Amino acid sequence: MNIDNLDIVVKVAACVCGKDGVISQAEEEAILANILLEYPSYSLIRFNQTLDDFFDDTLQLEDYLDQISDLTLKNFTINLCEFSASADGLDIKENIALHKVKLILGEEL
């Protein structure tokens, strides 16, 4: 697995979790915990840098989703977004973004 692909997945999850206006600590912890379960070599330092980069980016959710082509990574991304966005209660805006992720990534599953 290319580590850069995991950075994109983190940014997708951050997009979904941030749709309510804030990425909570519970959501951050959920993203990192799930990444580390599947990819233990992904570091906390890399995770924090990826989130910093996310806040500096001007890309939209669809821009990140376009960069994910691997079927396994698509499934992982959907599951990660669902789990992390619900870590502090699923806001309606997060739910809409999650639905968009499922529509875009799930259409080829």
PDB file of N, CA and C in Angstrom:
ATOM      1  N   MET A   1       0.844  -1.185   0.000  1.00  0.00           N
ATOM      2  CA  MET A   1       0.000   0.000   0.000  1.00  0.00           C
ATOM      3  C   MET A   1       0.884   1.240   0.000  1.00  0.00           C
ATOM      4  N   ASN A   2       0.608   2.112  -0.917  1.00  0.00           N
ATOM      5  CA  ASN A   2       1.315   3.382  -0.991  1.00  0.00           C
ATOM      6  C   ASN A   2       0.811   4.282   0.143  1.00  0.00           C
ATOM      7  N   ILE A   3       1.718   4.745   0.967  1.00  0.00           N
ATOM      8  CA  ILE A   3       1.362   5.556   2.134  1.00  0.00           C
ATOM      9  C   ILE A   3       0.647   6.846   1.732  1.00  0.00           C
ATOM     10  N   ASP A   4       0.942   7.363   0.549  1.00  0.00           N
ATOM     11  CA  ASP A   4       0.266   8.573   0.068  1.00  0.00           C
ATOM     12  C   ASP A   4      -1.232   8.334  -0.120  1.00  0.00           C
ATOM     13  N   ASN A   5      -1.599   7.108  -0.464  1.00  0.00           N
ATOM     14  CA  ASN A   5      -3.018   6.774  -0.593  1.00  0.00           C
ATOM     15  C   ASN A   5      -3.734   6.878   0.745  1.00  0.00           C
ATOM     16  N   LEU A   6      -3.044   6.503   1.815  1.00  0.00           N
ATOM     17  CA  LEU A   6      -3.647   6.627   3.143  1.00  0.00           C
ATOM     18  C   LEU A   6      -3.836   8.087   3.529  1.00  0.00           C
ATOM     19  N   ASP A   7      -2.930   8.943   3.084  1.00  0.00           N
ATOM     20  CA  ASP A   7      -3.102  10.375   3.329  1.00  0.00           C
ATOM     21  C   ASP A   7      -4.398  10.873   2.689  1.00  0.00           C
ATOM     22  N   ILE A   8      -4.683  10.406   1.490  1.00  0.00           N
ATOM     23  CA  ILE A   8      -5.919  10.796   0.797  1.00  0.00           C
ATOM     24  C   ILE A   8      -7.131  10.298   1.583  1.00  0.00           C
ATOM     25  N   VAL A   9      -7.058   9.064   2.075  1.00  0.00           N
ATOM     26  CA  VAL A   9      -8.162   8.497   2.855  1.00  0.00           C
ATOM     27  C   VAL A   9      -8.404   9.319   4.118  1.00  0.00           C
ATOM     28  N   VAL A  10      -7.335   9.717   4.783  1.00  0.00           N
ATOM     29  CA  VAL A  10      -7.459  10.562   5.979  1.00  0.00           C
ATOM     30  C   VAL A  10      -8.141  11.874   5.613  1.00  0.00           C
ATOM     31  N   LYS A  11      -7.779  12.444   4.491  1.00  0.00           N
ATOM     32  CA  LYS A  11      -8.379  13.717   4.070  1.00  0.00           C
ATOM     33  C   LYS A  11      -9.851  13.553   3.707  1.00  0.00           C
ATOM     34  N   VAL A  12     -10.215  12.425   3.122  1.00  0.00           N
ATOM     35  CA  VAL A  12     -11.639  12.161   2.841  1.00  0.00           C
ATOM     36  C   VAL A  12     -12.405  12.092   4.152  1.00  0.00           C
ATOM     37  N   ALA A  13     -11.887  11.334   5.110  1.00  0.00           N
ATOM     38  CA  ALA A  13     -12.553  11.223   6.407  1.00  0.00           C
ATOM     39  C   ALA A  13     -12.645  12.589   7.091  1.00  0.00           C
ATOM     40  N   ALA A  14     -11.593  13.386   6.977  1.00  0.00           N
ATOM     41  CA  ALA A  14     -11.610  14.733   7.566  1.00  0.00           C
ATOM     42  C   ALA A  14     -12.670  15.602   6.900  1.00  0.00           C
ATOM     43  N   CYS A  15     -12.820  15.471   5.596  1.00  0.00           N
ATOM     44  CA  CYS A  15     -13.864  16.213   4.871  1.00  0.00           C
ATOM     45  C   CYS A  15     -15.246  15.875   5.419  1.00  0.00           C
ATOM     46  N   VAL A  16     -15.501  14.587   5.564  1.00  0.00           N
ATOM     47  CA  VAL A  16     -16.813  14.140   6.044  1.00  0.00           C
ATOM     48  C   VAL A  16     -17.025  14.595   7.481  1.00  0.00           C
ATOM     49  N   CYS A  17     -16.039  14.352   8.335  1.00  0.00           N
ATOM     50  CA  CYS A  17     -16.170  14.713   9.753  1.00  0.00           C
ATOM     51  C   CYS A  17     -16.275  16.224   9.959  1.00  0.00           C
ATOM     52  N   GLY A  18     -15.672  16.991   9.095  1.00  0.00           N
ATOM     53  CA  GLY A  18     -15.673  18.444   9.247  1.00  0.00           C
ATOM     54  C   GLY A  18     -16.874  19.151   8.661  1.00  0.00           C
ATOM     55  N   LYS A  19     -17.773  18.423   8.068  1.00  0.00           N
ATOM     56  CA  LYS A  19     -18.941  19.062   7.441  1.00  0.00           C
ATOM     57  C   LYS A  19     -19.845  19.755   8.446  1.00  0.00           C
ATOM     58  N   ASP A  20     -19.755  19.374   9.717  1.00  0.00           N
ATOM     59  CA  ASP A  20     -20.564  20.043  10.737  1.00  0.00           C
ATOM     60  C   ASP A  20     -19.858  21.274  11.301  1.00  0.00           C
ATOM     61  N   GLY A  21     -18.697  21.606  10.727  1.00  0.00           N
ATOM     62  CA  GLY A  21     -17.984  22.803  11.137  1.00  0.00           C
ATOM     63  C   GLY A  21     -16.773  22.554  12.000  1.00  0.00           C
ATOM     64  N   VAL A  22     -16.607  21.329  12.497  1.00  0.00           N
ATOM     65  CA  VAL A  22     -15.470  21.018  13.354  1.00  0.00           C
ATOM     66  C   VAL A  22     -15.142  19.525  13.248  1.00  0.00           C
ATOM     67  N   ILE A  23     -13.863  19.222  13.307  1.00  0.00           N
ATOM     68  CA  ILE A  23     -13.436  17.833  13.435  1.00  0.00           C
ATOM     69  C   ILE A  23     -13.112  17.638  14.906  1.00  0.00           C
ATOM     70  N   SER A  24     -13.963  16.901  15.592  1.00  0.00           N
ATOM     71  CA  SER A  24     -13.802  16.736  17.037  1.00  0.00           C
ATOM     72  C   SER A  24     -12.626  15.818  17.355  1.00  0.00           C
ATOM     73  N   GLN A  25     -12.193  15.878  18.593  1.00  0.00           N
ATOM     74  CA  GLN A  25     -11.116  14.998  19.027  1.00  0.00           C
ATOM     75  C   GLN A  25     -11.552  13.542  18.921  1.00  0.00           C
ATOM     76  N   ALA A  26     -12.808  13.263  19.226  1.00  0.00           N
ATOM     77  CA  ALA A  26     -13.316  11.887  19.108  1.00  0.00           C
ATOM     78  C   ALA A  26     -13.234  11.409  17.660  1.00  0.00           C
ATOM     79  N   GLU A  27     -13.542  12.295  16.719  1.00  0.00           N
ATOM     80  CA  GLU A  27     -13.454  11.924  15.304  1.00  0.00           C
ATOM     81  C   GLU A  27     -12.007  11.713  14.871  1.00  0.00           C
ATOM     82  N   GLU A  28     -11.117  12.604  15.304  1.00  0.00           N
ATOM     83  CA  GLU A  28      -9.688  12.441  14.995  1.00  0.00           C
ATOM     84  C   GLU A  28      -9.172  11.112  15.519  1.00  0.00           C
ATOM     85  N   GLU A  29      -9.505  10.814  16.770  1.00  0.00           N
ATOM     86  CA  GLU A  29      -9.049   9.567  17.381  1.00  0.00           C
ATOM     87  C   GLU A  29      -9.615   8.352  16.655  1.00  0.00           C
ATOM     88  N   ALA A  30     -10.862   8.446  16.214  1.00  0.00           N
ATOM     89  CA  ALA A  30     -11.484   7.334  15.486  1.00  0.00           C
ATOM     90  C   ALA A  30     -10.799   7.114  14.138  1.00  0.00           C
ATOM     91  N   ILE A  31     -10.484   8.200  13.447  1.00  0.00           N
ATOM     92  CA  ILE A  31      -9.778   8.080  12.160  1.00  0.00           C
ATOM     93  C   ILE A  31      -8.437   7.387  12.376  1.00  0.00           C
ATOM     94  N   LEU A  32      -7.653   7.903  13.305  1.00  0.00           N
ATOM     95  CA  LEU A  32      -6.317   7.359  13.541  1.00  0.00           C
ATOM     96  C   LEU A  32      -6.378   5.906  14.007  1.00  0.00           C
ATOM     97  N   ALA A  33      -7.268   5.596  14.924  1.00  0.00           N
ATOM     98  CA  ALA A  33      -7.376   4.230  15.443  1.00  0.00           C
ATOM     99  C   ALA A  33      -7.693   3.238  14.332  1.00  0.00           C
ATOM    100  N   ASN A  34      -8.603   3.618  13.459  1.00  0.00           N
ATOM    101  CA  ASN A  34      -8.973   2.708  12.367  1.00  0.00           C
ATOM    102  C   ASN A  34      -7.864   2.555  11.339  1.00  0.00           C
ATOM    103  N   ILE A  35      -7.175   3.641  11.051  1.00  0.00           N
ATOM    104  CA  ILE A  35      -6.034   3.560  10.132  1.00  0.00           C
ATOM    105  C   ILE A  35      -4.985   2.613  10.717  1.00  0.00           C
ATOM    106  N   LEU A  36      -4.675   2.780  11.996  1.00  0.00           N
ATOM    107  CA  LEU A  36      -3.625   1.977  12.621  1.00  0.00           C
ATOM    108  C   LEU A  36      -4.005   0.504  12.750  1.00  0.00           C
ATOM    109  N   LEU A  37      -5.288   0.217  12.864  1.00  0.00           N
ATOM    110  CA  LEU A  37      -5.729  -1.187  12.900  1.00  0.00           C
ATOM    111  C   LEU A  37      -5.387  -1.906  11.601  1.00  0.00           C
ATOM    112  N   GLU A  38      -5.615  -1.245  10.506  1.00  0.00           N
ATOM    113  CA  GLU A  38      -5.376  -1.846   9.193  1.00  0.00           C
ATOM    114  C   GLU A  38      -3.948  -1.628   8.696  1.00  0.00           C
ATOM    115  N   TYR A  39      -3.378  -0.499   9.036  1.00  0.00           N
ATOM    116  CA  TYR A  39      -2.057  -0.111   8.522  1.00  0.00           C
ATOM    117  C   TYR A  39      -1.191   0.386   9.682  1.00  0.00           C
ATOM    118  N   PRO A  40      -0.661  -0.519  10.497  1.00  0.00           N
ATOM    119  CA  PRO A  40       0.071  -0.127  11.703  1.00  0.00           C
ATOM    120  C   PRO A  40       1.345   0.682  11.450  1.00  0.00           C
ATOM    121  N   SER A  41       1.840   0.684  10.241  1.00  0.00           N
ATOM    122  CA  SER A  41       3.051   1.454   9.950  1.00  0.00           C
ATOM    123  C   SER A  41       2.758   2.944   9.735  1.00  0.00           C
ATOM    124  N   TYR A  42       1.487   3.313   9.657  1.00  0.00           N
ATOM    125  CA  TYR A  42       1.114   4.726   9.499  1.00  0.00           C
ATOM    126  C   TYR A  42       1.339   5.414  10.841  1.00  0.00           C
ATOM    127  N   SER A  43       2.128   6.463  10.860  1.00  0.00           N
ATOM    128  CA  SER A  43       2.537   7.070  12.130  1.00  0.00           C
ATOM    129  C   SER A  43       1.639   8.231  12.557  1.00  0.00           C
ATOM    130  N   LEU A  44       1.687   8.521  13.844  1.00  0.00           N
ATOM    131  CA  LEU A  44       0.970   9.670  14.389  1.00  0.00           C
ATOM    132  C   LEU A  44       1.511  10.962  13.795  1.00  0.00           C
ATOM    133  N   ILE A  45       2.807  11.030  13.607  1.00  0.00           N
ATOM    134  CA  ILE A  45       3.411  12.227  13.015  1.00  0.00           C
ATOM    135  C   ILE A  45       2.873  12.446  11.601  1.00  0.00           C
ATOM    136  N   ARG A  46       2.815  11.381  10.819  1.00  0.00           N
ATOM    137  CA  ARG A  46       2.293  11.482   9.450  1.00  0.00           C
ATOM    138  C   ARG A  46       0.812  11.890   9.484  1.00  0.00           C
ATOM    139  N   PHE A  47       0.060  11.297  10.383  1.00  0.00           N
ATOM    140  CA  PHE A  47      -1.359  11.620  10.530  1.00  0.00           C
ATOM    141  C   PHE A  47      -1.549  13.110  10.828  1.00  0.00           C
ATOM    142  N   ASN A  48      -0.815  13.616  11.800  1.00  0.00           N
ATOM    143  CA  ASN A  48      -0.932  15.034  12.164  1.00  0.00           C
ATOM    144  C   ASN A  48      -0.519  15.947  11.012  1.00  0.00           C
ATOM    145  N   GLN A  49       0.531  15.572  10.287  1.00  0.00           N
ATOM    146  CA  GLN A  49       0.964  16.366   9.137  1.00  0.00           C
ATOM    147  C   GLN A  49      -0.098  16.347   8.039  1.00  0.00           C
ATOM    148  N   THR A  50      -0.724  15.195   7.842  1.00  0.00           N
ATOM    149  CA  THR A  50      -1.774  15.072   6.830  1.00  0.00           C
ATOM    150  C   THR A  50      -2.967  15.956   7.181  1.00  0.00           C
ATOM    151  N   LEU A  51      -3.341  15.986   8.458  1.00  0.00           N
ATOM    152  CA  LEU A  51      -4.439  16.875   8.871  1.00  0.00           C
ATOM    153  C   LEU A  51      -4.055  18.337   8.698  1.00  0.00           C
ATOM    154  N   ASP A  52      -2.821  18.682   9.029  1.00  0.00           N
ATOM    155  CA  ASP A  52      -2.357  20.060   8.814  1.00  0.00           C
ATOM    156  C   ASP A  52      -2.441  20.415   7.329  1.00  0.00           C
ATOM    157  N   ASP A  53      -1.985  19.503   6.481  1.00  0.00           N
ATOM    158  CA  ASP A  53      -2.052  19.724   5.030  1.00  0.00           C
ATOM    159  C   ASP A  53      -3.498  19.870   4.564  1.00  0.00           C
ATOM    160  N   PHE A  54      -4.385  19.062   5.148  1.00  0.00           N
ATOM    161  CA  PHE A  54      -5.805  19.123   4.797  1.00  0.00           C
ATOM    162  C   PHE A  54      -6.364  20.524   5.025  1.00  0.00           C
ATOM    163  N   PHE A  55      -6.033  21.120   6.152  1.00  0.00           N
ATOM    164  CA  PHE A  55      -6.557  22.450   6.470  1.00  0.00           C
ATOM    165  C   PHE A  55      -5.963  23.532   5.577  1.00  0.00           C
ATOM    166  N   ASP A  56      -4.817  23.249   4.969  1.00  0.00           N
ATOM    167  CA  ASP A  56      -4.198  24.185   4.029  1.00  0.00           C
ATOM    168  C   ASP A  56      -4.661  23.972   2.589  1.00  0.00           C
ATOM    169  N   ASP A  57      -5.256  22.802   2.313  1.00  0.00           N
ATOM    170  CA  ASP A  57      -5.710  22.466   0.962  1.00  0.00           C
ATOM    171  C   ASP A  57      -6.955  23.258   0.571  1.00  0.00           C
ATOM    172  N   THR A  58      -7.156  23.377  -0.719  1.00  0.00           N
ATOM    173  CA  THR A  58      -8.379  23.997  -1.239  1.00  0.00           C
ATOM    174  C   THR A  58      -9.236  22.967  -1.976  1.00  0.00           C
ATOM    175  N   LEU A  59      -8.854  21.696  -1.889  1.00  0.00           N
ATOM    176  CA  LEU A  59      -9.577  20.647  -2.592  1.00  0.00           C
ATOM    177  C   LEU A  59     -10.911  20.345  -1.915  1.00  0.00           C
ATOM    178  N   GLN A  60     -11.846  19.871  -2.713  1.00  0.00           N
ATOM    179  CA  GLN A  60     -13.163  19.476  -2.227  1.00  0.00           C
ATOM    180  C   GLN A  60     -13.203  17.961  -2.052  1.00  0.00           C
ATOM    181  N   LEU A  61     -14.242  17.468  -1.408  1.00  0.00           N
ATOM    182  CA  LEU A  61     -14.420  16.040  -1.171  1.00  0.00           C
ATOM    183  C   LEU A  61     -14.289  15.238  -2.467  1.00  0.00           C
ATOM    184  N   GLU A  62     -14.929  15.696  -3.516  1.00  0.00           N
ATOM    185  CA  GLU A  62     -14.909  14.978  -4.799  1.00  0.00           C
ATOM    186  C   GLU A  62     -13.491  14.896  -5.372  1.00  0.00           C
ATOM    187  N   ASP A  63     -12.686  15.931  -5.155  1.00  0.00           N
ATOM    188  CA  ASP A  63     -11.300  15.924  -5.633  1.00  0.00           C
ATOM    189  C   ASP A  63     -10.496  14.810  -4.975  1.00  0.00           C
ATOM    190  N   TYR A  64     -10.700  14.622  -3.678  1.00  0.00           N
ATOM    191  CA  TYR A  64     -10.015  13.542  -2.973  1.00  0.00           C
ATOM    192  C   TYR A  64     -10.541  12.178  -3.436  1.00  0.00           C
ATOM    193  N   LEU A  65     -11.851  12.074  -3.573  1.00  0.00           N
ATOM    194  CA  LEU A  65     -12.438  10.788  -3.968  1.00  0.00           C
ATOM    195  C   LEU A  65     -11.969  10.348  -5.346  1.00  0.00           C
ATOM    196  N   ASP A  66     -11.751  11.300  -6.236  1.00  0.00           N
ATOM    197  CA  ASP A  66     -11.256  10.983  -7.580  1.00  0.00           C
ATOM    198  C   ASP A  66      -9.879  10.326  -7.552  1.00  0.00           C
ATOM    199  N   GLN A  67      -9.153  10.499  -6.468  1.00  0.00           N
ATOM    200  CA  GLN A  67      -7.802   9.959  -6.367  1.00  0.00           C
ATOM    201  C   GLN A  67      -7.759   8.526  -5.820  1.00  0.00           C
ATOM    202  N   ILE A  68      -8.917   7.998  -5.460  1.00  0.00           N
ATOM    203  CA  ILE A  68      -8.978   6.637  -4.908  1.00  0.00           C
ATOM    204  C   ILE A  68      -9.514   5.695  -5.970  1.00  0.00           C
ATOM    205  N   SER A  69      -8.678   4.764  -6.400  1.00  0.00           N
ATOM    206  CA  SER A  69      -9.096   3.838  -7.457  1.00  0.00           C
ATOM    207  C   SER A  69      -9.097   2.377  -7.008  1.00  0.00           C
ATOM    208  N   ASP A  70      -8.317   2.051  -5.995  1.00  0.00           N
ATOM    209  CA  ASP A  70      -8.210   0.677  -5.522  1.00  0.00           C
ATOM    210  C   ASP A  70      -9.499   0.254  -4.803  1.00  0.00           C
ATOM    211  N   LEU A  71     -10.035  -0.902  -5.182  1.00  0.00           N
ATOM    212  CA  LEU A  71     -11.303  -1.381  -4.627  1.00  0.00           C
ATOM    213  C   LEU A  71     -11.231  -1.581  -3.110  1.00  0.00           C
ATOM    214  N   THR A  72     -10.141  -2.170  -2.644  1.00  0.00           N
ATOM    215  CA  THR A  72      -9.976  -2.388  -1.200  1.00  0.00           C
ATOM    216  C   THR A  72      -9.923  -1.057  -0.463  1.00  0.00           C
ATOM    217  N   LEU A  73      -9.232  -0.105  -1.037  1.00  0.00           N
ATOM    218  CA  LEU A  73      -9.120   1.213  -0.418  1.00  0.00           C
ATOM    219  C   LEU A  73     -10.463   1.950  -0.441  1.00  0.00           C
ATOM    220  N   LYS A  74     -11.255   1.749  -1.477  1.00  0.00           N
ATOM    221  CA  LYS A  74     -12.593   2.351  -1.524  1.00  0.00           C
ATOM    222  C   LYS A  74     -13.446   1.828  -0.372  1.00  0.00           C
ATOM    223  N   ASN A  75     -13.444   0.513  -0.181  1.00  0.00           N
ATOM    224  CA  ASN A  75     -14.217  -0.079   0.912  1.00  0.00           C
ATOM    225  C   ASN A  75     -13.734   0.424   2.266  1.00  0.00           C
ATOM    226  N   PHE A  76     -12.421   0.473   2.422  1.00  0.00           N
ATOM    227  CA  PHE A  76     -11.850   0.954   3.678  1.00  0.00           C
ATOM    228  C   PHE A  76     -12.249   2.416   3.926  1.00  0.00           C
ATOM    229  N   THR A  77     -12.212   3.217   2.895  1.00  0.00           N
ATOM    230  CA  THR A  77     -12.564   4.637   3.012  1.00  0.00           C
ATOM    231  C   THR A  77     -14.014   4.811   3.446  1.00  0.00           C
ATOM    232  N   ILE A  78     -14.912   4.073   2.835  1.00  0.00           N
ATOM    233  CA  ILE A  78     -16.330   4.146   3.209  1.00  0.00           C
ATOM    234  C   ILE A  78     -16.510   3.776   4.675  1.00  0.00           C
ATOM    235  N   ASN A  79     -15.909   2.668   5.086  1.00  0.00           N
ATOM    236  CA  ASN A  79     -16.038   2.220   6.478  1.00  0.00           C
ATOM    237  C   ASN A  79     -15.414   3.210   7.448  1.00  0.00           C
ATOM    238  N   LEU A  80     -14.254   3.750   7.085  1.00  0.00           N
ATOM    239  CA  LEU A  80     -13.581   4.732   7.940  1.00  0.00           C
ATOM    240  C   LEU A  80     -14.438   5.983   8.124  1.00  0.00           C
ATOM    241  N   CYS A  81     -14.993   6.474   7.043  1.00  0.00           N
ATOM    242  CA  CYS A  81     -15.830   7.675   7.117  1.00  0.00           C
ATOM    243  C   CYS A  81     -17.067   7.435   7.973  1.00  0.00           C
ATOM    244  N   GLU A  82     -17.674   6.296   7.804  1.00  0.00           N
ATOM    245  CA  GLU A  82     -18.876   5.971   8.569  1.00  0.00           C
ATOM    246  C   GLU A  82     -18.566   5.893  10.066  1.00  0.00           C
ATOM    247  N   PHE A  83     -17.499   5.210  10.404  1.00  0.00           N
ATOM    248  CA  PHE A  83     -17.125   5.037  11.806  1.00  0.00           C
ATOM    249  C   PHE A  83     -16.688   6.353  12.441  1.00  0.00           C
ATOM    250  N   SER A  84     -15.823   7.084  11.758  1.00  0.00           N
ATOM    251  CA  SER A  84     -15.266   8.300  12.359  1.00  0.00           C
ATOM    252  C   SER A  84     -16.296   9.425  12.464  1.00  0.00           C
ATOM    253  N   ALA A  85     -17.130   9.584  11.450  1.00  0.00           N
ATOM    254  CA  ALA A  85     -18.129  10.657  11.488  1.00  0.00           C
ATOM    255  C   ALA A  85     -19.176  10.418  12.582  1.00  0.00           C
ATOM    256  N   SER A  86     -19.417   9.162  12.911  1.00  0.00           N
ATOM    257  CA  SER A  86     -20.404   8.863  13.947  1.00  0.00           C
ATOM    258  C   SER A  86     -19.791   8.820  15.345  1.00  0.00           C
ATOM    259  N   ALA A  87     -18.493   9.067  15.451  1.00  0.00           N
ATOM    260  CA  ALA A  87     -17.809   8.994  16.746  1.00  0.00           C
ATOM    261  C   ALA A  87     -18.358   9.994  17.754  1.00  0.00           C
ATOM    262  N   ASP A  88     -18.854  11.127  17.279  1.00  0.00           N
ATOM    263  CA  ASP A  88     -19.418  12.136  18.188  1.00  0.00           C
ATOM    264  C   ASP A  88     -20.870  12.447  17.840  1.00  0.00           C
ATOM    265  N   GLY A  89     -21.523  11.529  17.152  1.00  0.00           N
ATOM    266  CA  GLY A  89     -22.896  11.744  16.707  1.00  0.00           C
ATOM    267  C   GLY A  89     -22.876  12.238  15.281  1.00  0.00           C
ATOM    268  N   LEU A  90     -23.701  11.662  14.456  1.00  0.00           N
ATOM    269  CA  LEU A  90     -23.687  11.962  13.023  1.00  0.00           C
ATOM    270  C   LEU A  90     -24.604  13.148  12.722  1.00  0.00           C
ATOM    271  N   ASP A  91     -24.004  14.287  12.454  1.00  0.00           N
ATOM    272  CA  ASP A  91     -24.719  15.501  12.073  1.00  0.00           C
ATOM    273  C   ASP A  91     -25.313  15.317  10.673  1.00  0.00           C
ATOM    274  N   ILE A  92     -26.374  16.031  10.352  1.00  0.00           N
ATOM    275  CA  ILE A  92     -27.027  15.906   9.050  1.00  0.00           C
ATOM    276  C   ILE A  92     -26.068  16.238   7.900  1.00  0.00           C
ATOM    277  N   LYS A  93     -25.213  17.252   8.071  1.00  0.00           N
ATOM    278  CA  LYS A  93     -24.264  17.608   7.013  1.00  0.00           C
ATOM    279  C   LYS A  93     -23.218  16.512   6.830  1.00  0.00           C
ATOM    280  N   GLU A  94     -22.802  15.895   7.932  1.00  0.00           N
ATOM    281  CA  GLU A  94     -21.872  14.767   7.837  1.00  0.00           C
ATOM    282  C   GLU A  94     -22.542  13.589   7.147  1.00  0.00           C
ATOM    283  N   ASN A  95     -23.808  13.385   7.460  1.00  0.00           N
ATOM    284  CA  ASN A  95     -24.568  12.289   6.851  1.00  0.00           C
ATOM    285  C   ASN A  95     -24.681  12.476   5.337  1.00  0.00           C
ATOM    286  N   ILE A  96     -24.904  13.693   4.900  1.00  0.00           N
ATOM    287  CA  ILE A  96     -24.984  13.984   3.464  1.00  0.00           C
ATOM    288  C   ILE A  96     -23.634  13.723   2.794  1.00  0.00           C
ATOM    289  N   ALA A  97     -22.559  14.173   3.432  1.00  0.00           N
ATOM    290  CA  ALA A  97     -21.214  13.940   2.881  1.00  0.00           C
ATOM    291  C   ALA A  97     -20.891  12.452   2.846  1.00  0.00           C
ATOM    292  N   LEU A  98     -21.267  11.721   3.888  1.00  0.00           N
ATOM    293  CA  LEU A  98     -21.048  10.281   3.928  1.00  0.00           C
ATOM    294  C   LEU A  98     -21.812   9.595   2.800  1.00  0.00           C
ATOM    295  N   HIS A  99     -23.029  10.032   2.572  1.00  0.00           N
ATOM    296  CA  HIS A  99     -23.827   9.478   1.478  1.00  0.00           C
ATOM    297  C   HIS A  99     -23.149   9.730   0.126  1.00  0.00           C
ATOM    298  N   LYS A 100     -22.570  10.911  -0.037  1.00  0.00           N
ATOM    299  CA  LYS A 100     -21.858  11.241  -1.272  1.00  0.00           C
ATOM    300  C   LYS A 100     -20.650  10.314  -1.460  1.00  0.00           C
ATOM    301  N   VAL A 101     -19.913  10.059  -0.368  1.00  0.00           N
ATOM    302  CA  VAL A 101     -18.769   9.143  -0.439  1.00  0.00           C
ATOM    303  C   VAL A 101     -19.235   7.761  -0.887  1.00  0.00           C
ATOM    304  N   LYS A 102     -20.322   7.291  -0.292  1.00  0.00           N
ATOM    305  CA  LYS A 102     -20.847   5.968  -0.646  1.00  0.00           C
ATOM    306  C   LYS A 102     -21.308   5.922  -2.095  1.00  0.00           C
ATOM    307  N   LEU A 103     -21.931   6.995  -2.559  1.00  0.00           N
ATOM    308  CA  LEU A 103     -22.384   7.041  -3.957  1.00  0.00           C
ATOM    309  C   LEU A 103     -21.219   7.037  -4.939  1.00  0.00           C
ATOM    310  N   ILE A 104     -20.234   7.854  -4.657  1.00  0.00           N
ATOM    311  CA  ILE A 104     -19.114   7.989  -5.603  1.00  0.00           C
ATOM    312  C   ILE A 104     -18.201   6.761  -5.559  1.00  0.00           C
ATOM    313  N   LEU A 105     -17.827   6.330  -4.373  1.00  0.00           N
ATOM    314  CA  LEU A 105     -16.917   5.183  -4.272  1.00  0.00           C
ATOM    315  C   LEU A 105     -17.653   3.861  -4.434  1.00  0.00           C
ATOM    316  N   GLY A 106     -18.903   3.835  -4.015  1.00  0.00           N
ATOM    317  CA  GLY A 106     -19.652   2.592  -4.059  1.00  0.00           C
ATOM    318  C   GLY A 106     -20.218   2.214  -5.408  1.00  0.00           C
ATOM    319  N   GLU A 107     -20.237   3.166  -6.348  1.00  0.00           N
ATOM    320  CA  GLU A 107     -20.845   2.880  -7.632  1.00  0.00           C
ATOM    321  C   GLU A 107     -20.075   1.831  -8.434  1.00  0.00           C
ATOM    322  N   GLU A 108     -18.811   1.618  -8.090  1.00  0.00           N
ATOM    323  CA  GLU A 108     -18.010   0.631  -8.801  1.00  0.00           C
ATOM    324  C   GLU A 108     -17.775  -0.625  -7.987  1.00  0.00           C
ATOM    325  N   LEU A 109     -18.340  -0.697  -6.772  1.00  0.00           N
ATOM    326  CA  LEU A 109     -18.129  -1.863  -5.918  1.00  0.00           C
ATOM    327  C   LEU A 109     -18.969  -3.029  -6.356  1.00  0.00           C
TER     328      LEU A 109
END
